[in-house]
Amino acid sequence: MFAVSEDKLKFRFSRSGGPGGQNVNKLSTRVEVLYDIESSDDLNQVQKQLVRKRLAKRINSDGFLSVTCQEHRSQNANRVGAVAKMNELIGWSLRRAKVRKKTKMPFSAKLKRLDEKKKRSKIKTLRTQKHFEE
């Protein structure tokens, strides 16, 4: 699992929707976390390239990866949630994709599929007008 050091993160706070009652109208509980990928010492060049590629929609024009959280009533809980989300996203983007192994369709499955097609075809041919007696 990947963990970004909090001193490299920038936080922005704003008013959020969601739970909180009057809290929502008065306090800035929504948290947006920004992480500068380019100046990061936590990632090497290959990892930076992977993050840029896989999280392109979350990176703004300045090169900051942005994550928001407004699920909780308190700013501190949203802050912790946003940092956890950021770590999870970066960890996901650095994960290697599994190599797909080619598999062959079993012979019995082919036979079963063809048998079903024949049955279906027979049902449809029996529906045609030439087989009805009037």
N, C-alpha and C. Protein backbone atom coordinates (compact mmCIF):
# COMPACT_ATOMS: atom_id res chain seq x y z
N MET A 1 0.85 -1.19 0.00
CA MET A 1 0.00 0.00 0.00
C MET A 1 0.88 1.24 0.00
N PHE A 2 0.41 2.25 -0.66
CA PHE A 2 1.15 3.50 -0.79
C PHE A 2 0.69 4.48 0.27
N ALA A 3 1.62 5.27 0.81
CA ALA A 3 1.26 6.29 1.80
C ALA A 3 1.99 7.59 1.48
N VAL A 4 1.21 8.64 1.24
CA VAL A 4 1.77 9.95 0.96
C VAL A 4 2.01 10.65 2.28
N SER A 5 3.16 11.29 2.42
CA SER A 5 3.42 12.03 3.65
C SER A 5 2.58 13.31 3.63
N GLU A 6 1.94 13.60 4.76
CA GLU A 6 0.97 14.71 4.82
C GLU A 6 1.60 16.08 4.63
N ASP A 7 2.90 16.21 4.85
CA ASP A 7 3.53 17.52 4.66
C ASP A 7 3.62 17.88 3.17
N LYS A 8 3.43 16.92 2.27
CA LYS A 8 3.47 17.18 0.83
C LYS A 8 2.09 17.44 0.25
N LEU A 9 1.07 17.39 1.08
CA LEU A 9 -0.30 17.61 0.63
C LEU A 9 -0.75 19.03 0.92
N LYS A 10 -1.58 19.56 0.05
CA LYS A 10 -2.20 20.86 0.29
C LYS A 10 -3.69 20.63 0.51
N PHE A 11 -4.24 21.33 1.47
CA PHE A 11 -5.65 21.16 1.81
C PHE A 11 -6.42 22.43 1.50
N ARG A 12 -7.63 22.24 0.95
CA ARG A 12 -8.57 23.35 0.75
C ARG A 12 -9.87 22.96 1.43
N PHE A 13 -10.50 23.93 2.05
CA PHE A 13 -11.75 23.66 2.75
C PHE A 13 -12.85 24.54 2.19
N SER A 14 -14.04 23.96 2.08
CA SER A 14 -15.19 24.72 1.60
C SER A 14 -16.46 24.14 2.22
N ARG A 15 -17.56 24.81 2.00
CA ARG A 15 -18.83 24.33 2.53
C ARG A 15 -19.30 23.15 1.70
N SER A 16 -19.87 22.17 2.39
CA SER A 16 -20.28 20.96 1.69
C SER A 16 -21.77 20.75 1.81
N GLY A 17 -22.27 19.89 0.94
CA GLY A 17 -23.64 19.42 1.07
C GLY A 17 -23.60 18.19 1.94
N GLY A 18 -24.67 17.45 1.94
CA GLY A 18 -24.68 16.20 2.69
C GLY A 18 -25.06 16.38 4.14
N PRO A 19 -24.74 15.40 4.98
CA PRO A 19 -25.20 15.42 6.36
C PRO A 19 -24.55 16.53 7.18
N GLY A 20 -25.26 16.99 8.19
CA GLY A 20 -24.68 17.98 9.08
C GLY A 20 -25.65 19.02 9.56
N GLY A 21 -26.87 19.04 9.02
CA GLY A 21 -27.86 20.01 9.47
C GLY A 21 -27.39 21.44 9.27
N GLN A 22 -27.51 22.28 10.29
CA GLN A 22 -27.09 23.68 10.19
C GLN A 22 -25.58 23.80 10.06
N ASN A 23 -24.86 22.76 10.49
CA ASN A 23 -23.41 22.73 10.32
C ASN A 23 -23.02 23.01 8.87
N VAL A 24 -23.79 22.44 7.95
CA VAL A 24 -23.49 22.55 6.53
C VAL A 24 -23.51 24.02 6.10
N ASN A 25 -24.42 24.80 6.67
CA ASN A 25 -24.56 26.20 6.28
C ASN A 25 -23.51 27.10 6.92
N LYS A 26 -22.92 26.66 8.02
CA LYS A 26 -22.03 27.53 8.77
C LYS A 26 -20.55 27.19 8.64
N LEU A 27 -20.23 25.91 8.59
CA LEU A 27 -18.83 25.49 8.65
C LEU A 27 -18.33 24.94 7.32
N SER A 28 -17.05 25.07 7.10
CA SER A 28 -16.43 24.54 5.89
C SER A 28 -15.91 23.14 6.19
N THR A 29 -16.74 22.13 5.96
CA THR A 29 -16.35 20.77 6.30
C THR A 29 -15.87 19.96 5.10
N ARG A 30 -16.13 20.43 3.90
CA ARG A 30 -15.67 19.72 2.69
C ARG A 30 -14.17 19.93 2.56
N VAL A 31 -13.44 18.83 2.28
CA VAL A 31 -11.98 18.89 2.19
C VAL A 31 -11.56 18.47 0.78
N GLU A 32 -10.69 19.28 0.18
CA GLU A 32 -10.08 18.93 -1.10
C GLU A 32 -8.58 18.82 -0.85
N VAL A 33 -8.02 17.67 -1.20
CA VAL A 33 -6.60 17.43 -1.01
C VAL A 33 -5.92 17.51 -2.36
N LEU A 34 -4.81 18.25 -2.41
CA LEU A 34 -4.04 18.39 -3.65
C LEU A 34 -2.64 17.83 -3.42
N TYR A 35 -2.18 17.06 -4.41
CA TYR A 35 -0.86 16.42 -4.31
C TYR A 35 -0.10 16.72 -5.60
N ASP A 36 1.06 17.36 -5.46
CA ASP A 36 1.87 17.71 -6.63
C ASP A 36 2.70 16.49 -7.02
N ILE A 37 2.32 15.89 -8.12
CA ILE A 37 2.97 14.66 -8.58
C ILE A 37 4.39 14.93 -9.06
N GLU A 38 4.58 16.02 -9.79
CA GLU A 38 5.88 16.32 -10.40
C GLU A 38 6.99 16.53 -9.37
N SER A 39 6.69 17.26 -8.32
CA SER A 39 7.73 17.57 -7.33
C SER A 39 7.79 16.54 -6.20
N SER A 40 7.13 15.42 -6.38
CA SER A 40 7.09 14.40 -5.35
C SER A 40 8.38 13.59 -5.29
N ASP A 41 8.86 13.37 -4.07
CA ASP A 41 10.03 12.51 -3.87
C ASP A 41 9.60 11.08 -3.59
N ASP A 42 8.31 10.88 -3.31
CA ASP A 42 7.80 9.56 -2.97
C ASP A 42 7.71 8.63 -4.18
N LEU A 43 7.66 9.22 -5.38
CA LEU A 43 7.48 8.43 -6.60
C LEU A 43 8.68 8.59 -7.52
N ASN A 44 9.07 7.50 -8.19
CA ASN A 44 10.11 7.62 -9.21
C ASN A 44 9.46 7.99 -10.55
N GLN A 45 10.25 8.17 -11.59
CA GLN A 45 9.72 8.66 -12.87
C GLN A 45 8.70 7.70 -13.49
N VAL A 46 8.96 6.41 -13.40
CA VAL A 46 8.03 5.42 -13.97
C VAL A 46 6.70 5.45 -13.22
N GLN A 47 6.77 5.55 -11.90
CA GLN A 47 5.56 5.61 -11.10
C GLN A 47 4.77 6.89 -11.38
N LYS A 48 5.47 8.01 -11.53
CA LYS A 48 4.81 9.28 -11.85
C LYS A 48 4.07 9.17 -13.17
N GLN A 49 4.71 8.52 -14.14
CA GLN A 49 4.10 8.36 -15.45
C GLN A 49 2.84 7.48 -15.35
N LEU A 50 2.91 6.42 -14.56
CA LEU A 50 1.75 5.55 -14.35
C LEU A 50 0.59 6.32 -13.70
N VAL A 51 0.91 7.10 -12.68
CA VAL A 51 -0.13 7.88 -11.98
C VAL A 51 -0.74 8.89 -12.94
N ARG A 52 0.10 9.58 -13.71
CA ARG A 52 -0.41 10.56 -14.68
C ARG A 52 -1.33 9.91 -15.70
N LYS A 53 -0.98 8.72 -16.13
CA LYS A 53 -1.76 8.03 -17.16
C LYS A 53 -3.09 7.52 -16.60
N ARG A 54 -3.03 6.86 -15.45
CA ARG A 54 -4.23 6.21 -14.92
C ARG A 54 -5.18 7.15 -14.19
N LEU A 55 -4.67 8.27 -13.69
CA LEU A 55 -5.51 9.21 -12.96
C LEU A 55 -5.60 10.56 -13.68
N ALA A 56 -5.53 10.53 -15.00
CA ALA A 56 -5.49 11.76 -15.81
C ALA A 56 -6.69 12.66 -15.56
N LYS A 57 -7.86 12.07 -15.34
CA LYS A 57 -9.08 12.88 -15.15
C LYS A 57 -9.09 13.60 -13.81
N ARG A 58 -8.29 13.15 -12.87
CA ARG A 58 -8.25 13.77 -11.54
C ARG A 58 -7.11 14.76 -11.39
N ILE A 59 -6.30 14.91 -12.43
CA ILE A 59 -5.15 15.82 -12.36
C ILE A 59 -5.51 17.10 -13.07
N ASN A 60 -5.31 18.24 -12.39
CA ASN A 60 -5.65 19.53 -13.00
C ASN A 60 -4.52 20.02 -13.90
N SER A 61 -4.70 21.19 -14.50
CA SER A 61 -3.73 21.71 -15.46
C SER A 61 -2.38 22.07 -14.81
N ASP A 62 -2.38 22.28 -13.51
CA ASP A 62 -1.13 22.60 -12.80
C ASP A 62 -0.35 21.34 -12.40
N GLY A 63 -0.90 20.16 -12.67
CA GLY A 63 -0.22 18.91 -12.34
C GLY A 63 -0.51 18.41 -10.94
N PHE A 64 -1.57 18.91 -10.31
CA PHE A 64 -1.94 18.47 -8.97
C PHE A 64 -3.03 17.41 -9.05
N LEU A 65 -2.84 16.33 -8.33
CA LEU A 65 -3.86 15.30 -8.20
C LEU A 65 -4.84 15.77 -7.13
N SER A 66 -6.12 15.76 -7.45
CA SER A 66 -7.13 16.32 -6.56
C SER A 66 -8.11 15.24 -6.10
N VAL A 67 -8.38 15.23 -4.78
CA VAL A 67 -9.35 14.31 -4.19
C VAL A 67 -10.18 15.10 -3.20
N THR A 68 -11.51 14.90 -3.23
CA THR A 68 -12.38 15.59 -2.28
C THR A 68 -13.12 14.59 -1.41
N CYS A 69 -13.51 15.05 -0.23
CA CYS A 69 -14.28 14.23 0.68
C CYS A 69 -15.25 15.14 1.44
N GLN A 70 -16.53 14.76 1.43
CA GLN A 70 -17.54 15.52 2.18
C GLN A 70 -18.57 14.57 2.78
N GLU A 71 -18.11 13.36 3.10
CA GLU A 71 -19.02 12.33 3.59
C GLU A 71 -19.33 12.45 5.07
N HIS A 72 -18.46 13.10 5.81
CA HIS A 72 -18.63 13.17 7.27
C HIS A 72 -19.08 14.56 7.69
N ARG A 73 -19.50 14.65 8.96
CA ARG A 73 -19.99 15.93 9.49
C ARG A 73 -18.86 16.85 9.91
N SER A 74 -17.70 16.30 10.23
CA SER A 74 -16.62 17.15 10.73
C SER A 74 -15.51 17.29 9.69
N GLN A 75 -14.83 18.42 9.76
CA GLN A 75 -13.74 18.70 8.84
C GLN A 75 -12.60 17.71 9.04
N ASN A 76 -12.29 17.38 10.29
CA ASN A 76 -11.19 16.48 10.58
C ASN A 76 -11.44 15.08 10.00
N ALA A 77 -12.67 14.58 10.16
CA ALA A 77 -13.01 13.26 9.62
C ALA A 77 -12.92 13.26 8.10
N ASN A 78 -13.36 14.35 7.47
CA ASN A 78 -13.27 14.46 6.01
C ASN A 78 -11.81 14.55 5.57
N ARG A 79 -10.99 15.20 6.37
CA ARG A 79 -9.57 15.33 6.07
C ARG A 79 -8.90 13.94 6.07
N VAL A 80 -9.18 13.18 7.11
CA VAL A 80 -8.64 11.82 7.20
C VAL A 80 -9.16 10.96 6.05
N GLY A 81 -10.45 11.10 5.74
CA GLY A 81 -11.04 10.34 4.64
C GLY A 81 -10.43 10.69 3.30
N ALA A 82 -10.16 11.97 3.07
CA ALA A 82 -9.58 12.41 1.80
C ALA A 82 -8.15 11.89 1.64
N VAL A 83 -7.39 11.91 2.72
CA VAL A 83 -6.01 11.40 2.66
C VAL A 83 -6.02 9.89 2.40
N ALA A 84 -6.93 9.19 3.04
CA ALA A 84 -7.04 7.74 2.82
C ALA A 84 -7.43 7.44 1.38
N LYS A 85 -8.35 8.24 0.85
CA LYS A 85 -8.79 8.09 -0.54
C LYS A 85 -7.64 8.36 -1.50
N MET A 86 -6.84 9.37 -1.19
CA MET A 86 -5.68 9.72 -2.02
C MET A 86 -4.68 8.56 -2.04
N ASN A 87 -4.37 8.03 -0.86
CA ASN A 87 -3.44 6.89 -0.77
C ASN A 87 -3.96 5.68 -1.54
N GLU A 88 -5.26 5.44 -1.41
CA GLU A 88 -5.87 4.30 -2.10
C GLU A 88 -5.81 4.47 -3.62
N LEU A 89 -6.10 5.67 -4.10
CA LEU A 89 -6.05 5.95 -5.54
C LEU A 89 -4.65 5.79 -6.10
N ILE A 90 -3.67 6.34 -5.43
CA ILE A 90 -2.29 6.24 -5.91
C ILE A 90 -1.83 4.79 -5.85
N GLY A 91 -2.18 4.08 -4.79
CA GLY A 91 -1.84 2.66 -4.69
C GLY A 91 -2.47 1.86 -5.82
N TRP A 92 -3.73 2.16 -6.13
CA TRP A 92 -4.41 1.47 -7.23
C TRP A 92 -3.72 1.75 -8.57
N SER A 93 -3.32 3.00 -8.78
CA SER A 93 -2.71 3.35 -10.06
C SER A 93 -1.33 2.73 -10.24
N LEU A 94 -0.66 2.39 -9.14
CA LEU A 94 0.67 1.78 -9.23
C LEU A 94 0.63 0.26 -9.31
N ARG A 95 -0.55 -0.31 -9.09
CA ARG A 95 -0.70 -1.76 -9.12
C ARG A 95 -0.56 -2.27 -10.56
N ARG A 96 0.15 -3.36 -10.72
CA ARG A 96 0.31 -3.95 -12.05
C ARG A 96 -0.92 -4.75 -12.41
N ALA A 97 -1.32 -4.65 -13.66
CA ALA A 97 -2.46 -5.42 -14.14
C ALA A 97 -2.05 -6.88 -14.31
N LYS A 98 -2.96 -7.78 -13.96
CA LYS A 98 -2.68 -9.19 -14.13
C LYS A 98 -2.64 -9.53 -15.61
N VAL A 99 -1.72 -10.40 -15.98
CA VAL A 99 -1.63 -10.83 -17.36
C VAL A 99 -2.70 -11.88 -17.60
N ARG A 100 -3.49 -11.67 -18.64
CA ARG A 100 -4.58 -12.58 -18.95
C ARG A 100 -4.03 -13.84 -19.59
N LYS A 101 -4.46 -14.98 -19.06
CA LYS A 101 -4.06 -16.25 -19.64
C LYS A 101 -5.12 -16.67 -20.64
N LYS A 102 -4.69 -17.03 -21.84
CA LYS A 102 -5.64 -17.48 -22.84
C LYS A 102 -6.18 -18.85 -22.43
N THR A 103 -7.48 -19.00 -22.57
CA THR A 103 -8.08 -20.29 -22.26
C THR A 103 -8.82 -20.79 -23.48
N LYS A 104 -8.94 -22.08 -23.58
CA LYS A 104 -9.63 -22.69 -24.71
C LYS A 104 -11.00 -23.13 -24.25
N MET A 105 -11.99 -22.91 -25.11
CA MET A 105 -13.35 -23.32 -24.78
C MET A 105 -13.42 -24.85 -24.75
N PRO A 106 -13.94 -25.45 -23.69
CA PRO A 106 -14.03 -26.90 -23.62
C PRO A 106 -14.90 -27.47 -24.74
N PHE A 107 -14.54 -28.65 -25.21
CA PHE A 107 -15.27 -29.28 -26.31
C PHE A 107 -16.72 -29.52 -25.92
N SER A 108 -16.95 -29.93 -24.67
CA SER A 108 -18.32 -30.20 -24.22
C SER A 108 -19.16 -28.92 -24.24
N ALA A 109 -18.54 -27.78 -23.95
CA ALA A 109 -19.27 -26.50 -23.97
C ALA A 109 -19.65 -26.14 -25.41
N LYS A 110 -18.74 -26.43 -26.36
CA LYS A 110 -19.06 -26.18 -27.77
C LYS A 110 -20.25 -27.03 -28.21
N LEU A 111 -20.20 -28.32 -27.84
CA LEU A 111 -21.29 -29.22 -28.21
C LEU A 111 -22.62 -28.76 -27.61
N LYS A 112 -22.58 -28.35 -26.36
CA LYS A 112 -23.80 -27.89 -25.69
C LYS A 112 -24.37 -26.65 -26.38
N ARG A 113 -23.49 -25.72 -26.75
CA ARG A 113 -23.93 -24.50 -27.44
C ARG A 113 -24.56 -24.84 -28.78
N LEU A 114 -23.94 -25.73 -29.55
CA LEU A 114 -24.48 -26.11 -30.85
C LEU A 114 -25.81 -26.85 -30.71
N ASP A 115 -25.91 -27.68 -29.67
CA ASP A 115 -27.15 -28.41 -29.42
C ASP A 115 -28.29 -27.44 -29.11
N GLU A 116 -28.01 -26.44 -28.27
CA GLU A 116 -29.02 -25.42 -27.94
C GLU A 116 -29.45 -24.66 -29.19
N LYS A 117 -28.49 -24.35 -30.06
CA LYS A 117 -28.81 -23.64 -31.31
C LYS A 117 -29.71 -24.49 -32.20
N LYS A 118 -29.44 -25.77 -32.25
CA LYS A 118 -30.27 -26.68 -33.08
C LYS A 118 -31.68 -26.76 -32.53
N LYS A 119 -31.80 -26.85 -31.21
CA LYS A 119 -33.13 -26.90 -30.58
C LYS A 119 -33.91 -25.62 -30.87
N ARG A 120 -33.23 -24.49 -30.73
CA ARG A 120 -33.88 -23.20 -30.96
C ARG A 120 -34.31 -23.08 -32.42
N SER A 121 -33.47 -23.52 -33.32
CA SER A 121 -33.77 -23.49 -34.75
C SER A 121 -34.99 -24.35 -35.06
N LYS A 122 -35.06 -25.52 -34.44
CA LYS A 122 -36.19 -26.42 -34.67
C LYS A 122 -37.50 -25.79 -34.19
N ILE A 123 -37.45 -25.15 -33.02
CA ILE A 123 -38.64 -24.47 -32.48
C ILE A 123 -39.12 -23.41 -33.47
N LYS A 124 -38.19 -22.65 -34.02
CA LYS A 124 -38.57 -21.57 -34.94
C LYS A 124 -39.11 -22.11 -36.26
N THR A 125 -38.52 -23.19 -36.74
CA THR A 125 -39.03 -23.75 -38.00
C THR A 125 -40.43 -24.33 -37.81
N LEU A 126 -40.72 -24.84 -36.63
CA LEU A 126 -42.07 -25.37 -36.36
C LEU A 126 -43.11 -24.24 -36.30
N ARG A 127 -42.68 -23.02 -36.08
CA ARG A 127 -43.60 -21.88 -36.03
C ARG A 127 -44.00 -21.38 -37.41
N THR A 128 -43.28 -21.78 -38.42
CA THR A 128 -43.60 -21.26 -39.77
C THR A 128 -44.94 -21.74 -40.25
N GLN A 129 -45.53 -21.03 -41.24
CA GLN A 129 -46.88 -21.29 -41.72
C GLN A 129 -47.03 -22.65 -42.38
N LYS A 130 -46.01 -23.15 -43.05
CA LYS A 130 -46.14 -24.38 -43.81
C LYS A 130 -46.42 -25.61 -42.93
N HIS A 131 -46.15 -25.52 -41.65
CA HIS A 131 -46.36 -26.66 -40.78
C HIS A 131 -47.72 -26.62 -40.08
N PHE A 132 -48.46 -25.50 -40.19
CA PHE A 132 -49.77 -25.41 -39.56
C PHE A 132 -50.82 -26.03 -40.49
N GLU A 133 -51.73 -26.79 -39.91
CA GLU A 133 -52.82 -27.34 -40.69
C GLU A 133 -54.06 -26.54 -40.40
N GLU A 134 -54.80 -26.24 -41.45
CA GLU A 134 -56.01 -25.44 -41.26
C GLU A 134 -57.25 -26.23 -41.50
